[in-house]
Amino acid sequence: MSNIPFPYIIRESTRARYLRFRVTLERGLEVVVPRGYDCRRIPQLLETNRDWVHHALSRVDAARVRQTNHAERSVPTQISFPSVGRTWHIELLATPSRSLSIAELSEDRLQIRGDISNISLCDVTLQRWLLQQAHEILTPLLCQLSRETGIPFAKMALRKQKTRWGSCSSRGTISLNIKLLFVEPDLLRYILIHELCHVRQMNHSPRFWKLVSVYYAPYKEAHRRLKAAWKKMPRWAA
């Protein structure tokens, strides 16, 4: 057993007809054997199935980390949109309902009502609210910049993405990440101008950057700062 790079436990089962491996969140690697099985054969079988066991243990380790992180999380008590200088304080109201609803009580107060102990459900509810806010905030801002720059676009789409702030299709559809609400106002302006300029130049050529610089001169600094902005995203919006 000492030659095997991962620990395991042996469980003898009267129902087992042959040896099998089980990897669970609670027990890790478990080797189930029939009664009377020669356990001296197990290390060699583990070595033969090393890749499968390693992959299964990796999946369980990742799940264990997610479970731990989830247990440490709670529903946010405040949400801020630096992009437009708005902050909401959140009031939590637990009810017997298995669903959740979110309501805006005033300009700076939200209420989340229902099964507030269900963190995953809270995330989904807040993400739906975030999408609605993005539509109400980003749409007029993009239209305003379109008028300022004189660059029209066909339509706008909103998405929740992990690696891209925005994109522009060859048909002039600009897609924006709803997480843009969490960046600083000047960075939001830069992204909107960046995507509008792609309507004219579908590349990142010198001609494209020259066009961007006409409407947003410090684009190089903004591009650098955006790389760090991902770290400021709230976990519920991930």
C-alpha atoms as a PDB file:
ATOM      1  CA  MET A   1       0.000   0.000   0.000  1.00  0.00           C
ATOM      2  CA  SER A   2       2.929   2.367   0.691  1.00  0.00           C
ATOM      3  CA  ASN A   3       3.873   2.341  -3.011  1.00  0.00           C
ATOM      4  CA  ILE A   4       0.485   3.751  -4.022  1.00  0.00           C
ATOM      5  CA  PRO A   5       0.484   7.584  -4.353  1.00  0.00           C
ATOM      6  CA  PHE A   6      -3.008   7.928  -2.843  1.00  0.00           C
ATOM      7  CA  PRO A   7      -4.629   6.554   0.324  1.00  0.00           C
ATOM      8  CA  TYR A   8      -7.546   4.150   0.194  1.00  0.00           C
ATOM      9  CA  ILE A   9      -9.742   2.087   2.449  1.00  0.00           C
ATOM     10  CA  ILE A  10     -10.876  -1.498   1.936  1.00  0.00           C
ATOM     11  CA  ARG A  11     -14.466  -2.512   2.481  1.00  0.00           C
ATOM     12  CA  GLU A  12     -15.467  -6.170   2.378  1.00  0.00           C
ATOM     13  CA  SER A  13     -18.983  -6.750   1.044  1.00  0.00           C
ATOM     14  CA  THR A  14     -20.987  -9.946   1.115  1.00  0.00           C
ATOM     15  CA  ARG A  15     -22.876  -8.691  -1.961  1.00  0.00           C
ATOM     16  CA  ALA A  16     -19.794  -7.947  -4.029  1.00  0.00           C
ATOM     17  CA  ARG A  17     -18.955 -10.502  -6.705  1.00  0.00           C
ATOM     18  CA  TYR A  18     -15.759  -8.810  -7.860  1.00  0.00           C
ATOM     19  CA  LEU A  19     -13.417  -5.991  -6.847  1.00  0.00           C
ATOM     20  CA  ARG A  20     -14.461  -2.450  -7.689  1.00  0.00           C
ATOM     21  CA  PHE A  21     -13.227   1.068  -6.937  1.00  0.00           C
ATOM     22  CA  ARG A  22     -15.459   3.828  -5.558  1.00  0.00           C
ATOM     23  CA  VAL A  23     -14.487   7.472  -5.078  1.00  0.00           C
ATOM     24  CA  THR A  24     -16.854   9.538  -2.959  1.00  0.00           C
ATOM     25  CA  LEU A  25     -16.794  12.974  -1.364  1.00  0.00           C
ATOM     26  CA  GLU A  26     -17.219  11.511   2.112  1.00  0.00           C
ATOM     27  CA  ARG A  27     -14.846   8.529   2.045  1.00  0.00           C
ATOM     28  CA  GLY A  28     -12.366   9.230  -0.732  1.00  0.00           C
ATOM     29  CA  LEU A  29     -11.030   6.142  -2.523  1.00  0.00           C
ATOM     30  CA  GLU A  30     -12.757   2.964  -1.412  1.00  0.00           C
ATOM     31  CA  VAL A  31     -11.874  -0.501  -2.659  1.00  0.00           C
ATOM     32  CA  VAL A  32     -14.879  -2.813  -2.375  1.00  0.00           C
ATOM     33  CA  VAL A  33     -13.947  -6.508  -2.356  1.00  0.00           C
ATOM     34  CA  PRO A  34     -15.866  -9.789  -2.030  1.00  0.00           C
ATOM     35  CA  ARG A  35     -15.504 -11.761   1.191  1.00  0.00           C
ATOM     36  CA  GLY A  36     -12.255 -13.719   1.242  1.00  0.00           C
ATOM     37  CA  TYR A  37     -10.605 -11.622  -1.478  1.00  0.00           C
ATOM     38  CA  ASP A  38      -6.785 -11.632  -1.516  1.00  0.00           C
ATOM     39  CA  CYS A  39      -6.115  -7.962  -0.689  1.00  0.00           C
ATOM     40  CA  ARG A  40      -2.441  -8.314  -1.626  1.00  0.00           C
ATOM     41  CA  ARG A  41      -3.589  -7.909  -5.254  1.00  0.00           C
ATOM     42  CA  ILE A  42      -5.051  -4.430  -4.656  1.00  0.00           C
ATOM     43  CA  PRO A  43      -1.861  -2.312  -5.048  1.00  0.00           C
ATOM     44  CA  GLN A  44      -1.167  -3.787  -8.490  1.00  0.00           C
ATOM     45  CA  LEU A  45      -4.752  -3.184  -9.603  1.00  0.00           C
ATOM     46  CA  LEU A  46      -4.570   0.390  -8.366  1.00  0.00           C
ATOM     47  CA  GLU A  47      -1.364   0.880 -10.304  1.00  0.00           C
ATOM     48  CA  THR A  48      -3.016  -0.495 -13.447  1.00  0.00           C
ATOM     49  CA  ASN A  49      -5.933   1.922 -12.991  1.00  0.00           C
ATOM     50  CA  ARG A  50      -3.808   4.814 -11.766  1.00  0.00           C
ATOM     51  CA  ASP A  51      -5.063   7.342 -14.376  1.00  0.00           C
ATOM     52  CA  TRP A  52      -8.743   6.649 -13.672  1.00  0.00           C
ATOM     53  CA  VAL A  53      -8.249   6.819  -9.908  1.00  0.00           C
ATOM     54  CA  HIS A  54      -6.220  10.025 -10.128  1.00  0.00           C
ATOM     55  CA  HIS A  55      -8.874  11.681 -12.311  1.00  0.00           C
ATOM     56  CA  ALA A  56     -11.684  10.579  -9.994  1.00  0.00           C
ATOM     57  CA  LEU A  57      -9.858  11.844  -6.907  1.00  0.00           C
ATOM     58  CA  SER A  58      -9.178  15.181  -8.626  1.00  0.00           C
ATOM     59  CA  ARG A  59     -12.897  15.602  -9.342  1.00  0.00           C
ATOM     60  CA  VAL A  60     -13.748  14.833  -5.716  1.00  0.00           C
ATOM     61  CA  ASP A  61     -11.089  17.258  -4.423  1.00  0.00           C
ATOM     62  CA  ALA A  62     -12.521  20.011  -6.625  1.00  0.00           C
ATOM     63  CA  ALA A  63     -16.030  19.243  -5.398  1.00  0.00           C
ATOM     64  CA  ARG A  64     -14.803  19.338  -1.797  1.00  0.00           C
ATOM     65  CA  VAL A  65     -13.279  22.798  -2.352  1.00  0.00           C
ATOM     66  CA  ARG A  66     -16.521  24.035  -3.912  1.00  0.00           C
ATOM     67  CA  GLN A  67     -18.497  22.634  -1.003  1.00  0.00           C
ATOM     68  CA  THR A  68     -16.212  24.341   1.517  1.00  0.00           C
ATOM     69  CA  ASN A  69     -16.386  27.663  -0.311  1.00  0.00           C
ATOM     70  CA  HIS A  70     -20.154  27.367  -0.540  1.00  0.00           C
ATOM     71  CA  ALA A  71     -20.434  26.692   3.180  1.00  0.00           C
ATOM     72  CA  GLU A  72     -18.388  29.815   3.941  1.00  0.00           C
ATOM     73  CA  ARG A  73     -20.547  32.052   1.761  1.00  0.00           C
ATOM     74  CA  SER A  74     -23.577  34.100   2.688  1.00  0.00           C
ATOM     75  CA  VAL A  75     -26.045  36.326   0.890  1.00  0.00           C
ATOM     76  CA  PRO A  76     -24.537  39.798   0.315  1.00  0.00           C
ATOM     77  CA  THR A  77     -25.848  42.605   2.501  1.00  0.00           C
ATOM     78  CA  GLN A  78     -24.766  45.293   0.054  1.00  0.00           C
ATOM     79  CA  ILE A  79     -24.319  45.587  -3.712  1.00  0.00           C
ATOM     80  CA  SER A  80     -22.415  48.398  -5.408  1.00  0.00           C
ATOM     81  CA  PHE A  81     -22.158  49.350  -9.075  1.00  0.00           C
ATOM     82  CA  PRO A  82     -19.018  51.534  -9.322  1.00  0.00           C
ATOM     83  CA  SER A  83     -19.804  52.034 -13.012  1.00  0.00           C
ATOM     84  CA  VAL A  84     -22.709  54.343 -12.187  1.00  0.00           C
ATOM     85  CA  GLY A  85     -22.025  55.152  -8.524  1.00  0.00           C
ATOM     86  CA  ARG A  86     -24.998  53.257  -7.092  1.00  0.00           C
ATOM     87  CA  THR A  87     -25.195  51.165  -3.923  1.00  0.00           C
ATOM     88  CA  TRP A  88     -28.044  49.090  -2.513  1.00  0.00           C
ATOM     89  CA  HIS A  89     -28.392  47.796   1.032  1.00  0.00           C
ATOM     90  CA  ILE A  90     -30.066  44.394   1.142  1.00  0.00           C
ATOM     91  CA  GLU A  91     -32.777  43.369   3.558  1.00  0.00           C
ATOM     92  CA  LEU A  92     -33.225  39.614   3.965  1.00  0.00           C
ATOM     93  CA  LEU A  93     -36.638  38.204   4.805  1.00  0.00           C
ATOM     94  CA  ALA A  94     -36.857  34.445   5.444  1.00  0.00           C
ATOM     95  CA  THR A  95     -40.191  32.799   4.604  1.00  0.00           C
ATOM     96  CA  PRO A  96     -41.327  29.138   4.296  1.00  0.00           C
ATOM     97  CA  SER A  97     -41.349  29.485   0.497  1.00  0.00           C
ATOM     98  CA  ARG A  98     -38.863  27.395  -1.482  1.00  0.00           C
ATOM     99  CA  SER A  99     -38.527  30.169  -4.045  1.00  0.00           C
ATOM    100  CA  LEU A 100     -36.939  33.605  -3.856  1.00  0.00           C
ATOM    101  CA  SER A 101     -37.985  37.038  -5.004  1.00  0.00           C
ATOM    102  CA  ILE A 102     -36.156  40.341  -5.054  1.00  0.00           C
ATOM    103  CA  ALA A 103     -37.804  43.743  -4.813  1.00  0.00           C
ATOM    104  CA  GLU A 104     -36.477  47.299  -4.902  1.00  0.00           C
ATOM    105  CA  LEU A 105     -37.860  49.017  -1.799  1.00  0.00           C
ATOM    106  CA  SER A 106     -36.244  52.361  -2.565  1.00  0.00           C
ATOM    107  CA  GLU A 107     -33.384  53.834  -4.570  1.00  0.00           C
ATOM    108  CA  ASP A 108     -30.849  52.283  -2.218  1.00  0.00           C
ATOM    109  CA  ARG A 109     -32.664  49.334  -0.634  1.00  0.00           C
ATOM    110  CA  LEU A 110     -33.410  45.835  -1.924  1.00  0.00           C
ATOM    111  CA  GLN A 111     -35.348  43.050  -0.267  1.00  0.00           C
ATOM    112  CA  ILE A 112     -34.686  39.360  -0.912  1.00  0.00           C
ATOM    113  CA  ARG A 113     -37.620  37.287   0.310  1.00  0.00           C
ATOM    114  CA  GLY A 114     -38.017  33.510   0.552  1.00  0.00           C
ATOM    115  CA  ASP A 115     -35.582  30.651   1.156  1.00  0.00           C
ATOM    116  CA  ILE A 116     -32.562  32.844   1.895  1.00  0.00           C
ATOM    117  CA  SER A 117     -30.616  29.833   3.244  1.00  0.00           C
ATOM    118  CA  ASN A 118     -30.354  28.477  -0.317  1.00  0.00           C
ATOM    119  CA  ILE A 119     -27.164  30.223  -1.468  1.00  0.00           C
ATOM    120  CA  SER A 120     -27.300  28.825  -5.000  1.00  0.00           C
ATOM    121  CA  LEU A 121     -30.869  30.055  -5.435  1.00  0.00           C
ATOM    122  CA  CYS A 122     -29.857  33.460  -4.090  1.00  0.00           C
ATOM    123  CA  ASP A 123     -27.079  33.608  -6.684  1.00  0.00           C
ATOM    124  CA  VAL A 124     -29.492  32.826  -9.510  1.00  0.00           C
ATOM    125  CA  THR A 125     -32.019  35.392  -8.246  1.00  0.00           C
ATOM    126  CA  LEU A 126     -29.390  38.105  -7.967  1.00  0.00           C
ATOM    127  CA  GLN A 127     -28.012  37.259 -11.404  1.00  0.00           C
ATOM    128  CA  ARG A 128     -31.477  37.704 -12.941  1.00  0.00           C
ATOM    129  CA  TRP A 129     -31.727  41.059 -11.180  1.00  0.00           C
ATOM    130  CA  LEU A 130     -28.228  41.954 -12.443  1.00  0.00           C
ATOM    131  CA  LEU A 131     -29.277  41.182 -16.010  1.00  0.00           C
ATOM    132  CA  GLN A 132     -32.270  43.501 -15.669  1.00  0.00           C
ATOM    133  CA  GLN A 133     -30.078  46.254 -14.237  1.00  0.00           C
ATOM    134  CA  ALA A 134     -27.564  45.820 -17.042  1.00  0.00           C
ATOM    135  CA  HIS A 135     -30.325  46.240 -19.619  1.00  0.00           C
ATOM    136  CA  GLU A 136     -31.599  49.421 -17.959  1.00  0.00           C
ATOM    137  CA  ILE A 137     -28.144  50.945 -17.459  1.00  0.00           C
ATOM    138  CA  LEU A 138     -25.950  49.764 -20.342  1.00  0.00           C
ATOM    139  CA  THR A 139     -28.468  50.183 -23.176  1.00  0.00           C
ATOM    140  CA  PRO A 140     -28.842  53.989 -22.875  1.00  0.00           C
ATOM    141  CA  LEU A 141     -25.099  54.419 -22.252  1.00  0.00           C
ATOM    142  CA  LEU A 142     -24.207  52.551 -25.436  1.00  0.00           C
ATOM    143  CA  CYS A 143     -26.796  54.515 -27.417  1.00  0.00           C
ATOM    144  CA  GLN A 144     -25.425  57.777 -26.033  1.00  0.00           C
ATOM    145  CA  LEU A 145     -21.851  56.902 -27.016  1.00  0.00           C
ATOM    146  CA  SER A 146     -23.059  55.766 -30.422  1.00  0.00           C
ATOM    147  CA  ARG A 147     -24.479  59.246 -30.985  1.00  0.00           C
ATOM    148  CA  GLU A 148     -21.338  60.925 -29.615  1.00  0.00           C
ATOM    149  CA  THR A 149     -18.984  58.960 -31.851  1.00  0.00           C
ATOM    150  CA  GLY A 150     -21.271  58.830 -34.855  1.00  0.00           C
ATOM    151  CA  ILE A 151     -20.775  55.053 -35.005  1.00  0.00           C
ATOM    152  CA  PRO A 152     -24.102  53.186 -35.310  1.00  0.00           C
ATOM    153  CA  PHE A 153     -24.631  49.578 -34.230  1.00  0.00           C
ATOM    154  CA  ALA A 154     -27.291  47.081 -35.269  1.00  0.00           C
ATOM    155  CA  LYS A 155     -28.357  45.805 -31.843  1.00  0.00           C
ATOM    156  CA  MET A 156     -27.095  45.057 -28.357  1.00  0.00           C
ATOM    157  CA  ALA A 157     -27.010  41.743 -26.485  1.00  0.00           C
ATOM    158  CA  LEU A 158     -26.205  41.092 -22.830  1.00  0.00           C
ATOM    159  CA  ARG A 159     -24.359  38.053 -21.512  1.00  0.00           C
ATOM    160  CA  LYS A 160     -22.795  36.752 -18.306  1.00  0.00           C
ATOM    161  CA  GLN A 161     -19.256  35.807 -19.316  1.00  0.00           C
ATOM    162  CA  LYS A 162     -16.126  34.815 -17.426  1.00  0.00           C
ATOM    163  CA  THR A 163     -13.362  35.997 -19.758  1.00  0.00           C
ATOM    164  CA  ARG A 164     -14.693  38.700 -22.102  1.00  0.00           C
ATOM    165  CA  TRP A 165     -16.009  42.168 -21.360  1.00  0.00           C
ATOM    166  CA  GLY A 166     -17.621  42.554 -24.745  1.00  0.00           C
ATOM    167  CA  SER A 167     -17.594  41.644 -28.423  1.00  0.00           C
ATOM    168  CA  CYS A 168     -18.906  42.862 -31.764  1.00  0.00           C
ATOM    169  CA  SER A 169     -20.156  40.680 -34.607  1.00  0.00           C
ATOM    170  CA  SER A 170     -19.652  41.328 -38.307  1.00  0.00           C
ATOM    171  CA  ARG A 171     -23.334  42.279 -38.479  1.00  0.00           C
ATOM    172  CA  GLY A 172     -22.898  45.070 -35.965  1.00  0.00           C
ATOM    173  CA  THR A 173     -24.312  43.318 -32.893  1.00  0.00           C
ATOM    174  CA  ILE A 174     -22.509  44.428 -29.757  1.00  0.00           C
ATOM    175  CA  SER A 175     -22.514  41.950 -26.865  1.00  0.00           C
ATOM    176  CA  LEU A 176     -21.735  43.268 -23.399  1.00  0.00           C
ATOM    177  CA  ASN A 177     -20.901  41.422 -20.199  1.00  0.00           C
ATOM    178  CA  ILE A 178     -23.378  42.256 -17.441  1.00  0.00           C
ATOM    179  CA  LYS A 179     -20.424  42.303 -15.024  1.00  0.00           C
ATOM    180  CA  LEU A 180     -19.386  45.624 -16.569  1.00  0.00           C
ATOM    181  CA  LEU A 181     -21.594  47.195 -13.906  1.00  0.00           C
ATOM    182  CA  PHE A 182     -18.841  46.374 -11.394  1.00  0.00           C
ATOM    183  CA  VAL A 183     -16.039  48.278 -13.147  1.00  0.00           C
ATOM    184  CA  GLU A 184     -15.101  51.952 -12.773  1.00  0.00           C
ATOM    185  CA  PRO A 185     -16.983  54.500 -14.964  1.00  0.00           C
ATOM    186  CA  ASP A 186     -13.986  55.286 -17.166  1.00  0.00           C
ATOM    187  CA  LEU A 187     -13.347  51.589 -17.810  1.00  0.00           C
ATOM    188  CA  LEU A 188     -16.978  51.076 -18.761  1.00  0.00           C
ATOM    189  CA  ARG A 189     -16.739  53.990 -21.187  1.00  0.00           C
ATOM    190  CA  TYR A 190     -13.580  52.490 -22.685  1.00  0.00           C
ATOM    191  CA  ILE A 191     -15.208  49.090 -23.275  1.00  0.00           C
ATOM    192  CA  LEU A 192     -18.267  50.625 -24.929  1.00  0.00           C
ATOM    193  CA  ILE A 193     -16.073  52.737 -27.216  1.00  0.00           C
ATOM    194  CA  HIS A 194     -13.848  49.732 -27.912  1.00  0.00           C
ATOM    195  CA  GLU A 195     -16.788  47.659 -29.134  1.00  0.00           C
ATOM    196  CA  LEU A 196     -18.293  50.519 -31.125  1.00  0.00           C
ATOM    197  CA  CYS A 197     -14.986  50.936 -32.933  1.00  0.00           C
ATOM    198  CA  HIS A 198     -15.145  47.276 -33.910  1.00  0.00           C
ATOM    199  CA  VAL A 199     -18.200  48.134 -35.985  1.00  0.00           C
ATOM    200  CA  ARG A 200     -15.773  50.052 -38.224  1.00  0.00           C
ATOM    201  CA  GLN A 201     -12.713  47.833 -37.767  1.00  0.00           C
ATOM    202  CA  MET A 202     -13.277  44.108 -37.078  1.00  0.00           C
ATOM    203  CA  ASN A 203      -9.704  43.581 -35.848  1.00  0.00           C
ATOM    204  CA  HIS A 204      -7.065  44.953 -33.512  1.00  0.00           C
ATOM    205  CA  SER A 205      -4.934  46.519 -36.195  1.00  0.00           C
ATOM    206  CA  PRO A 206      -3.092  49.859 -35.784  1.00  0.00           C
ATOM    207  CA  ARG A 207      -5.987  51.467 -37.662  1.00  0.00           C
ATOM    208  CA  PHE A 208      -8.407  50.118 -35.038  1.00  0.00           C
ATOM    209  CA  TRP A 209      -6.386  51.448 -32.087  1.00  0.00           C
ATOM    210  CA  LYS A 210      -5.991  54.795 -33.798  1.00  0.00           C
ATOM    211  CA  LEU A 211      -9.782  55.011 -34.060  1.00  0.00           C
ATOM    212  CA  VAL A 212     -10.153  54.071 -30.389  1.00  0.00           C
ATOM    213  CA  SER A 213      -7.651  56.766 -29.387  1.00  0.00           C
ATOM    214  CA  VAL A 214      -9.789  59.414 -31.087  1.00  0.00           C
ATOM    215  CA  TYR A 215     -12.585  58.785 -28.571  1.00  0.00           C
ATOM    216  CA  TYR A 216     -10.581  57.405 -25.630  1.00  0.00           C
ATOM    217  CA  ALA A 217      -6.947  58.519 -25.573  1.00  0.00           C
ATOM    218  CA  PRO A 218      -5.700  56.594 -22.472  1.00  0.00           C
ATOM    219  CA  TYR A 219      -6.868  53.241 -23.880  1.00  0.00           C
ATOM    220  CA  LYS A 220      -3.565  51.481 -23.080  1.00  0.00           C
ATOM    221  CA  GLU A 221      -3.890  52.228 -19.377  1.00  0.00           C
ATOM    222  CA  ALA A 222      -7.553  51.205 -19.386  1.00  0.00           C
ATOM    223  CA  HIS A 223      -6.683  47.935 -21.128  1.00  0.00           C
ATOM    224  CA  ARG A 224      -4.120  47.191 -18.400  1.00  0.00           C
ATOM    225  CA  ARG A 225      -6.491  48.041 -15.535  1.00  0.00           C
ATOM    226  CA  LEU A 226      -9.233  45.820 -16.924  1.00  0.00           C
ATOM    227  CA  LYS A 227      -7.072  42.753 -16.376  1.00  0.00           C
ATOM    228  CA  ALA A 228      -7.220  43.363 -12.629  1.00  0.00           C
ATOM    229  CA  ALA A 229     -10.930  44.249 -12.657  1.00  0.00           C
ATOM    230  CA  TRP A 230     -11.904  40.570 -12.886  1.00  0.00           C
ATOM    231  CA  LYS A 231     -10.647  40.083  -9.324  1.00  0.00           C
ATOM    232  CA  LYS A 232     -13.225  42.557  -8.009  1.00  0.00           C
ATOM    233  CA  MET A 233     -16.271  40.626  -9.229  1.00  0.00           C
ATOM    234  CA  PRO A 234     -18.598  39.502  -6.404  1.00  0.00           C
ATOM    235  CA  ARG A 235     -18.760  35.733  -6.043  1.00  0.00           C
ATOM    236  CA  TRP A 236     -22.526  35.628  -6.528  1.00  0.00           C
ATOM    237  CA  ALA A 237     -22.119  37.127 -10.008  1.00  0.00           C
ATOM    238  CA  ALA A 238     -19.443  34.657 -11.153  1.00  0.00           C
END
